[in-house]
């Protein structure tokens, strides 16, 4: 049961700005999310927005929504923790 991953323009732009090590770590987490975006070990539901989920990768946060019918994980943003929840 694999999900397709789509990036928002903002998330793709932010990912390109990162260093290679961080990009590899985030890409590995996105691969895990594509297998099971609801895995409680790697993601949590956002408290302020119940339709969104978050995943922690070091000091970075991946904010995403899941479309279960179409099997899509839509990555909305990739931000450092200090800016992720604003």
PDB file of N, CA and C in Angstrom:
ATOM      1  N   UNK A   1       0.843  -1.179   0.000  1.00  0.00           N
ATOM      2  CA  UNK A   1       0.000   0.000   0.000  1.00  0.00           C
ATOM      3  C   UNK A   1       0.889   1.244   0.000  1.00  0.00           C
ATOM      4  N   UNK A   2       1.376   1.608  -1.136  1.00  0.00           N
ATOM      5  CA  UNK A   2       2.265   2.747  -1.248  1.00  0.00           C
ATOM      6  C   UNK A   2       1.492   3.984  -1.706  1.00  0.00           C
ATOM      7  N   UNK A   3       1.851   5.103  -1.146  1.00  0.00           N
ATOM      8  CA  UNK A   3       1.235   6.375  -1.502  1.00  0.00           C
ATOM      9  C   UNK A   3       2.163   7.142  -2.438  1.00  0.00           C
ATOM     10  N   UNK A   4       1.583   7.917  -3.339  1.00  0.00           N
ATOM     11  CA  UNK A   4       2.363   8.797  -4.202  1.00  0.00           C
ATOM     12  C   UNK A   4       2.636  10.088  -3.428  1.00  0.00           C
ATOM     13  N   UNK A   5       3.796  10.671  -3.603  1.00  0.00           N
ATOM     14  CA  UNK A   5       4.188  11.887  -2.884  1.00  0.00           C
ATOM     15  C   UNK A   5       4.186  13.060  -3.849  1.00  0.00           C
ATOM     16  N   UNK A   6       3.532  14.147  -3.458  1.00  0.00           N
ATOM     17  CA  UNK A   6       3.537  15.385  -4.229  1.00  0.00           C
ATOM     18  C   UNK A   6       4.026  16.505  -3.333  1.00  0.00           C
ATOM     19  N   UNK A   7       4.813  17.404  -3.895  1.00  0.00           N
ATOM     20  CA  UNK A   7       5.355  18.538  -3.156  1.00  0.00           C
ATOM     21  C   UNK A   7       4.665  19.821  -3.572  1.00  0.00           C
ATOM     22  N   UNK A   8       4.382  20.689  -2.594  1.00  0.00           N
ATOM     23  CA  UNK A   8       3.927  22.040  -2.932  1.00  0.00           C
ATOM     24  C   UNK A   8       5.138  22.794  -3.465  1.00  0.00           C
ATOM     25  N   UNK A   9       4.898  23.894  -4.140  1.00  0.00           N
ATOM     26  CA  UNK A   9       5.989  24.704  -4.677  1.00  0.00           C
ATOM     27  C   UNK A   9       6.916  25.152  -3.550  1.00  0.00           C
ATOM     28  N   UNK A  10       6.332  25.571  -2.440  1.00  0.00           N
ATOM     29  CA  UNK A  10       7.108  26.053  -1.294  1.00  0.00           C
ATOM     30  C   UNK A  10       7.986  24.942  -0.717  1.00  0.00           C
ATOM     31  N   UNK A  11       7.443  23.743  -0.574  1.00  0.00           N
ATOM     32  CA  UNK A  11       8.206  22.629  -0.002  1.00  0.00           C
ATOM     33  C   UNK A  11       9.371  22.242  -0.916  1.00  0.00           C
ATOM     34  N   UNK A  12       9.132  22.195  -2.219  1.00  0.00           N
ATOM     35  CA  UNK A  12      10.196  21.848  -3.163  1.00  0.00           C
ATOM     36  C   UNK A  12      11.298  22.903  -3.130  1.00  0.00           C
ATOM     37  N   UNK A  13      10.917  24.145  -3.041  1.00  0.00           N
ATOM     38  CA  UNK A  13      11.881  25.242  -2.996  1.00  0.00           C
ATOM     39  C   UNK A  13      12.729  25.177  -1.722  1.00  0.00           C
ATOM     40  N   UNK A  14      12.092  24.914  -0.594  1.00  0.00           N
ATOM     41  CA  UNK A  14      12.808  24.816   0.680  1.00  0.00           C
ATOM     42  C   UNK A  14      13.764  23.623   0.678  1.00  0.00           C
ATOM     43  N   UNK A  15      13.344  22.510   0.106  1.00  0.00           N
ATOM     44  CA  UNK A  15      14.187  21.314   0.068  1.00  0.00           C
ATOM     45  C   UNK A  15      15.457  21.568  -0.745  1.00  0.00           C
ATOM     46  N   UNK A  16      15.356  22.308  -1.828  1.00  0.00           N
ATOM     47  CA  UNK A  16      16.516  22.594  -2.671  1.00  0.00           C
ATOM     48  C   UNK A  16      17.557  23.450  -1.960  1.00  0.00           C
ATOM     49  N   UNK A  17      17.149  24.225  -0.983  1.00  0.00           N
ATOM     50  CA  UNK A  17      18.053  25.134  -0.274  1.00  0.00           C
ATOM     51  C   UNK A  17      18.908  24.434   0.788  1.00  0.00           C
ATOM     52  N   UNK A  18      18.563  23.227   1.146  1.00  0.00           N
ATOM     53  CA  UNK A  18      19.228  22.548   2.257  1.00  0.00           C
ATOM     54  C   UNK A  18      20.543  21.909   1.837  1.00  0.00           C
ATOM     55  N   UNK A  19      21.364  21.570   2.826  1.00  0.00           N
ATOM     56  CA  UNK A  19      22.615  20.875   2.545  1.00  0.00           C
ATOM     57  C   UNK A  19      22.318  19.416   2.208  1.00  0.00           C
ATOM     58  N   UNK A  20      23.283  18.748   1.582  1.00  0.00           N
ATOM     59  CA  UNK A  20      23.074  17.378   1.083  1.00  0.00           C
ATOM     60  C   UNK A  20      22.710  16.381   2.173  1.00  0.00           C
ATOM     61  N   UNK A  21      23.357  16.487   3.315  1.00  0.00           N
ATOM     62  CA  UNK A  21      23.079  15.547   4.404  1.00  0.00           C
ATOM     63  C   UNK A  21      21.633  15.659   4.865  1.00  0.00           C
ATOM     64  N   UNK A  22      21.158  16.871   5.048  1.00  0.00           N
ATOM     65  CA  UNK A  22      19.777  17.091   5.485  1.00  0.00           C
ATOM     66  C   UNK A  22      18.797  16.639   4.412  1.00  0.00           C
ATOM     67  N   UNK A  23      19.110  16.910   3.155  1.00  0.00           N
ATOM     68  CA  UNK A  23      18.241  16.475   2.052  1.00  0.00           C
ATOM     69  C   UNK A  23      18.099  14.954   2.075  1.00  0.00           C
ATOM     70  N   UNK A  24      19.208  14.243   2.255  1.00  0.00           N
ATOM     71  CA  UNK A  24      19.146  12.778   2.278  1.00  0.00           C
ATOM     72  C   UNK A  24      18.296  12.279   3.440  1.00  0.00           C
ATOM     73  N   UNK A  25      18.436  12.907   4.613  1.00  0.00           N
ATOM     74  CA  UNK A  25      17.646  12.497   5.772  1.00  0.00           C
ATOM     75  C   UNK A  25      16.156  12.755   5.532  1.00  0.00           C
ATOM     76  N   UNK A  26      15.835  13.899   4.949  1.00  0.00           N
ATOM     77  CA  UNK A  26      14.426  14.233   4.696  1.00  0.00           C
ATOM     78  C   UNK A  26      13.863  13.320   3.612  1.00  0.00           C
ATOM     79  N   UNK A  27      14.632  13.051   2.566  1.00  0.00           N
ATOM     80  CA  UNK A  27      14.159  12.140   1.517  1.00  0.00           C
ATOM     81  C   UNK A  27      13.919  10.738   2.066  1.00  0.00           C
ATOM     82  N   UNK A  28      14.772  10.291   2.970  1.00  0.00           N
ATOM     83  CA  UNK A  28      14.569   8.970   3.583  1.00  0.00           C
ATOM     84  C   UNK A  28      13.270   8.950   4.381  1.00  0.00           C
ATOM     85  N   UNK A  29      12.989  10.022   5.108  1.00  0.00           N
ATOM     86  CA  UNK A  29      11.740  10.090   5.883  1.00  0.00           C
ATOM     87  C   UNK A  29      10.530  10.144   4.952  1.00  0.00           C
ATOM     88  N   UNK A  30      10.637  10.877   3.850  1.00  0.00           N
ATOM     89  CA  UNK A  30       9.527  10.950   2.900  1.00  0.00           C
ATOM     90  C   UNK A  30       9.264   9.573   2.290  1.00  0.00           C
ATOM     91  N   UNK A  31      10.319   8.798   2.044  1.00  0.00           N
ATOM     92  CA  UNK A  31      10.132   7.420   1.565  1.00  0.00           C
ATOM     93  C   UNK A  31       9.364   6.593   2.589  1.00  0.00           C
ATOM     94  N   UNK A  32       9.697   6.755   3.868  1.00  0.00           N
ATOM     95  CA  UNK A  32       8.969   6.047   4.925  1.00  0.00           C
ATOM     96  C   UNK A  32       7.503   6.488   4.956  1.00  0.00           C
ATOM     97  N   UNK A  33       7.278   7.799   4.805  1.00  0.00           N
ATOM     98  CA  UNK A  33       5.903   8.314   4.823  1.00  0.00           C
ATOM     99  C   UNK A  33       5.098   7.801   3.637  1.00  0.00           C
ATOM    100  N   UNK A  34       5.744   7.584   2.503  1.00  0.00           N
ATOM    101  CA  UNK A  34       5.017   7.077   1.337  1.00  0.00           C
ATOM    102  C   UNK A  34       4.551   5.641   1.561  1.00  0.00           C
ATOM    103  N   UNK A  35       5.242   4.895   2.422  1.00  0.00           N
ATOM    104  CA  UNK A  35       4.820   3.534   2.742  1.00  0.00           C
ATOM    105  C   UNK A  35       3.662   3.521   3.733  1.00  0.00           C
ATOM    106  N   UNK A  36       3.741   4.374   4.757  1.00  0.00           N
ATOM    107  CA  UNK A  36       2.674   4.458   5.760  1.00  0.00           C
ATOM    108  C   UNK A  36       2.682   5.858   6.383  1.00  0.00           C
ATOM    109  N   UNK A  37       1.888   6.788   5.838  1.00  0.00           N
ATOM    110  CA  UNK A  37       1.901   8.162   6.348  1.00  0.00           C
ATOM    111  C   UNK A  37       1.276   8.314   7.735  1.00  0.00           C
ATOM    112  N   UNK A  38       0.641   7.282   8.244  1.00  0.00           N
ATOM    113  CA  UNK A  38      -0.013   7.357   9.554  1.00  0.00           C
ATOM    114  C   UNK A  38       0.774   6.638  10.646  1.00  0.00           C
ATOM    115  N   UNK A  39       1.977   6.202  10.355  1.00  0.00           N
ATOM    116  CA  UNK A  39       2.813   5.486  11.323  1.00  0.00           C
ATOM    117  C   UNK A  39       3.081   6.401  12.525  1.00  0.00           C
ATOM    118  N   UNK A  40       2.624   6.030  13.714  1.00  0.00           N
ATOM    119  CA  UNK A  40       2.819   6.902  14.884  1.00  0.00           C
ATOM    120  C   UNK A  40       4.279   7.027  15.318  1.00  0.00           C
ATOM    121  N   UNK A  41       5.138   6.146  14.855  1.00  0.00           N
ATOM    122  CA  UNK A  41       6.556   6.234  15.189  1.00  0.00           C
ATOM    123  C   UNK A  41       7.233   7.404  14.481  1.00  0.00           C
ATOM    124  N   UNK A  42       6.743   7.777  13.298  1.00  0.00           N
ATOM    125  CA  UNK A  42       7.402   8.823  12.523  1.00  0.00           C
ATOM    126  C   UNK A  42       6.543  10.049  12.258  1.00  0.00           C
ATOM    127  N   UNK A  43       5.278  10.041  12.677  1.00  0.00           N
ATOM    128  CA  UNK A  43       4.432  11.209  12.428  1.00  0.00           C
ATOM    129  C   UNK A  43       3.374  11.367  13.499  1.00  0.00           C
ATOM    130  N   UNK A  44       2.858  12.584  13.587  1.00  0.00           N
ATOM    131  CA  UNK A  44       1.789  12.903  14.527  1.00  0.00           C
ATOM    132  C   UNK A  44       0.797  13.828  13.838  1.00  0.00           C
ATOM    133  N   UNK A  45      -0.407  13.801  14.331  1.00  0.00           N
ATOM    134  CA  UNK A  45      -1.419  14.726  13.841  1.00  0.00           C
ATOM    135  C   UNK A  45      -1.144  16.092  14.451  1.00  0.00           C
ATOM    136  N   UNK A  46      -1.298  17.155  13.643  1.00  0.00           N
ATOM    137  CA  UNK A  46      -1.099  18.499  14.182  1.00  0.00           C
ATOM    138  C   UNK A  46      -2.290  18.871  15.049  1.00  0.00           C
ATOM    139  N   UNK A  47      -2.031  19.489  16.174  1.00  0.00           N
ATOM    140  CA  UNK A  47      -3.109  19.854  17.093  1.00  0.00           C
ATOM    141  C   UNK A  47      -3.974  20.981  16.542  1.00  0.00           C
ATOM    142  N   UNK A  48      -3.358  21.970  15.931  1.00  0.00           N
ATOM    143  CA  UNK A  48      -4.099  23.130  15.433  1.00  0.00           C
ATOM    144  C   UNK A  48      -4.856  22.840  14.138  1.00  0.00           C
ATOM    145  N   UNK A  49      -4.406  21.864  13.374  1.00  0.00           N
ATOM    146  CA  UNK A  49      -5.022  21.527  12.093  1.00  0.00           C
ATOM    147  C   UNK A  49      -5.149  20.011  11.991  1.00  0.00           C
ATOM    148  N   UNK A  50      -6.295  19.464  12.393  1.00  0.00           N
ATOM    149  CA  UNK A  50      -6.441  18.003  12.449  1.00  0.00           C
ATOM    150  C   UNK A  50      -6.318  17.297  11.091  1.00  0.00           C
ATOM    151  N   UNK A  51      -6.432  18.022   9.984  1.00  0.00           N
ATOM    152  CA  UNK A  51      -6.286  17.398   8.671  1.00  0.00           C
ATOM    153  C   UNK A  51      -4.829  17.249   8.264  1.00  0.00           C
ATOM    154  N   UNK A  52      -3.929  17.951   8.952  1.00  0.00           N
ATOM    155  CA  UNK A  52      -2.505  17.901   8.634  1.00  0.00           C
ATOM    156  C   UNK A  52      -1.765  17.018   9.623  1.00  0.00           C
ATOM    157  N   UNK A  53      -0.619  16.541   9.164  1.00  0.00           N
ATOM    158  CA  UNK A  53       0.255  15.742  10.008  1.00  0.00           C
ATOM    159  C   UNK A  53       1.648  16.343   9.950  1.00  0.00           C
ATOM    160  N   UNK A  54       2.483  15.972  10.908  1.00  0.00           N
ATOM    161  CA  UNK A  54       3.854  16.472  10.957  1.00  0.00           C
ATOM    162  C   UNK A  54       4.793  15.317  11.231  1.00  0.00           C
ATOM    163  N   UNK A  55       6.007  15.461  10.715  1.00  0.00           N
ATOM    164  CA  UNK A  55       7.039  14.468  10.944  1.00  0.00           C
ATOM    165  C   UNK A  55       8.327  15.204  11.267  1.00  0.00           C
ATOM    166  N   UNK A  56       9.023  14.743  12.282  1.00  0.00           N
ATOM    167  CA  UNK A  56      10.240  15.387  12.768  1.00  0.00           C
ATOM    168  C   UNK A  56      11.470  14.712  12.171  1.00  0.00           C
ATOM    169  N   UNK A  57      12.368  15.530  11.611  1.00  0.00           N
ATOM    170  CA  UNK A  57      13.656  15.052  11.110  1.00  0.00           C
ATOM    171  C   UNK A  57      14.703  15.998  11.685  1.00  0.00           C
ATOM    172  N   UNK A  58      15.256  15.647  12.837  1.00  0.00           N
ATOM    173  CA  UNK A  58      16.198  16.545  13.516  1.00  0.00           C
ATOM    174  C   UNK A  58      15.494  17.828  13.921  1.00  0.00           C
ATOM    175  N   UNK A  59      16.046  18.966  13.497  1.00  0.00           N
ATOM    176  CA  UNK A  59      15.433  20.260  13.781  1.00  0.00           C
ATOM    177  C   UNK A  59      14.423  20.670  12.723  1.00  0.00           C
ATOM    178  N   UNK A  60      14.192  19.831  11.739  1.00  0.00           N
ATOM    179  CA  UNK A  60      13.285  20.136  10.634  1.00  0.00           C
ATOM    180  C   UNK A  60      11.948  19.429  10.826  1.00  0.00           C
ATOM    181  N   UNK A  61      10.898  20.033  10.284  1.00  0.00           N
ATOM    182  CA  UNK A  61       9.562  19.451  10.332  1.00  0.00           C
ATOM    183  C   UNK A  61       9.006  19.352   8.918  1.00  0.00           C
ATOM    184  N   UNK A  62       8.399  18.221   8.628  1.00  0.00           N
ATOM    185  CA  UNK A  62       7.698  18.007   7.363  1.00  0.00           C
ATOM    186  C   UNK A  62       6.215  18.078   7.690  1.00  0.00           C
ATOM    187  N   UNK A  63       5.527  19.035   7.109  1.00  0.00           N
ATOM    188  CA  UNK A  63       4.092  19.205   7.315  1.00  0.00           C
ATOM    189  C   UNK A  63       3.397  18.684   6.050  1.00  0.00           C
ATOM    190  N   UNK A  64       2.434  17.787   6.228  1.00  0.00           N
ATOM    191  CA  UNK A  64       1.799  17.178   5.059  1.00  0.00           C
ATOM    192  C   UNK A  64       0.342  16.818   5.335  1.00  0.00           C
ATOM    193  N   UNK A  65      -0.404  16.601   4.245  1.00  0.00           N
ATOM    194  CA  UNK A  65      -1.772  16.111   4.297  1.00  0.00           C
ATOM    195  C   UNK A  65      -1.834  14.808   3.502  1.00  0.00           C
ATOM    196  N   UNK A  66      -2.779  13.962   3.871  1.00  0.00           N
ATOM    197  CA  UNK A  66      -2.930  12.665   3.207  1.00  0.00           C
ATOM    198  C   UNK A  66      -4.308  12.598   2.566  1.00  0.00           C
ATOM    199  N   UNK A  67      -4.333  12.246   1.276  1.00  0.00           N
ATOM    200  CA  UNK A  67      -5.582  11.997   0.559  1.00  0.00           C
ATOM    201  C   UNK A  67      -5.684  10.474   0.418  1.00  0.00           C
ATOM    202  N   UNK A  68      -6.459   9.866   1.320  1.00  0.00           N
ATOM    203  CA  UNK A  68      -6.538   8.399   1.351  1.00  0.00           C
ATOM    204  C   UNK A  68      -7.217   7.814   0.117  1.00  0.00           C
ATOM    205  N   UNK A  69      -8.203   8.505  -0.416  1.00  0.00           N
ATOM    206  CA  UNK A  69      -8.917   7.992  -1.579  1.00  0.00           C
ATOM    207  C   UNK A  69      -8.016   7.888  -2.801  1.00  0.00           C
ATOM    208  N   UNK A  70      -7.222   8.923  -3.028  1.00  0.00           N
ATOM    209  CA  UNK A  70      -6.345   8.955  -4.199  1.00  0.00           C
ATOM    210  C   UNK A  70      -4.943   8.427  -3.898  1.00  0.00           C
ATOM    211  N   UNK A  71      -4.667   8.053  -2.628  1.00  0.00           N
ATOM    212  CA  UNK A  71      -3.364   7.518  -2.207  1.00  0.00           C
ATOM    213  C   UNK A  71      -2.234   8.519  -2.491  1.00  0.00           C
ATOM    214  N   UNK A  72      -2.425   9.761  -1.992  1.00  0.00           N
ATOM    215  CA  UNK A  72      -1.445  10.815  -2.204  1.00  0.00           C
ATOM    216  C   UNK A  72      -1.033  11.410  -0.861  1.00  0.00           C
ATOM    217  N   UNK A  73       0.274  11.601  -0.681  1.00  0.00           N
ATOM    218  CA  UNK A  73       0.813  12.361   0.452  1.00  0.00           C
ATOM    219  C   UNK A  73       1.263  13.693  -0.134  1.00  0.00           C
ATOM    220  N   UNK A  74       0.618  14.780   0.274  1.00  0.00           N
ATOM    221  CA  UNK A  74       0.940  16.105  -0.240  1.00  0.00           C
ATOM    222  C   UNK A  74       1.812  16.824   0.780  1.00  0.00           C
ATOM    223  N   UNK A  75       3.087  17.012   0.461  1.00  0.00           N
ATOM    224  CA  UNK A  75       4.023  17.701   1.352  1.00  0.00           C
ATOM    225  C   UNK A  75       3.760  19.203   1.210  1.00  0.00           C
ATOM    226  N   UNK A  76       3.243  19.813   2.275  1.00  0.00           N
ATOM    227  CA  UNK A  76       2.895  21.235   2.233  1.00  0.00           C
ATOM    228  C   UNK A  76       4.096  22.121   2.515  1.00  0.00           C
ATOM    229  N   UNK A  77       4.933  21.741   3.486  1.00  0.00           N
ATOM    230  CA  UNK A  77       6.106  22.553   3.801  1.00  0.00           C
ATOM    231  C   UNK A  77       7.169  21.727   4.509  1.00  0.00           C
ATOM    232  N   UNK A  78       8.396  22.192   4.371  1.00  0.00           N
ATOM    233  CA  UNK A  78       9.548  21.634   5.066  1.00  0.00           C
ATOM    234  C   UNK A  78      10.241  22.831   5.697  1.00  0.00           C
ATOM    235  N   UNK A  79      10.175  22.909   7.022  1.00  0.00           N
ATOM    236  CA  UNK A  79      10.688  24.093   7.705  1.00  0.00           C
ATOM    237  C   UNK A  79      11.449  23.714   8.964  1.00  0.00           C
ATOM    238  N   UNK A  80      12.340  24.623   9.398  1.00  0.00           N
ATOM    239  CA  UNK A  80      12.973  24.395  10.697  1.00  0.00           C
ATOM    240  C   UNK A  80      11.927  24.522  11.796  1.00  0.00           C
ATOM    241  N   UNK A  81      12.161  23.867  12.891  1.00  0.00           N
ATOM    242  CA  UNK A  81      11.190  23.858  13.983  1.00  0.00           C
ATOM    243  C   UNK A  81      10.774  25.260  14.413  1.00  0.00           C
ATOM    244  N   UNK A  82      11.700  26.194  14.430  1.00  0.00           N
ATOM    245  CA  UNK A  82      11.402  27.557  14.897  1.00  0.00           C
ATOM    246  C   UNK A  82      10.358  28.260  14.033  1.00  0.00           C
ATOM    247  N   UNK A  83      10.221  27.857  12.767  1.00  0.00           N
ATOM    248  CA  UNK A  83       9.240  28.504  11.887  1.00  0.00           C
ATOM    249  C   UNK A  83       8.088  27.578  11.481  1.00  0.00           C
ATOM    250  N   UNK A  84       8.145  26.338  11.845  1.00  0.00           N
ATOM    251  CA  UNK A  84       7.187  25.356  11.341  1.00  0.00           C
ATOM    252  C   UNK A  84       5.756  25.572  11.826  1.00  0.00           C
ATOM    253  N   UNK A  85       5.587  26.085  13.007  1.00  0.00           N
ATOM    254  CA  UNK A  85       4.244  26.132  13.594  1.00  0.00           C
ATOM    255  C   UNK A  85       3.638  27.524  13.597  1.00  0.00           C
ATOM    256  N   UNK A  86       4.190  28.424  12.849  1.00  0.00           N
ATOM    257  CA  UNK A  86       3.646  29.783  12.774  1.00  0.00           C
ATOM    258  C   UNK A  86       2.592  29.883  11.715  1.00  0.00           C
TER     259      UNK A  86
END
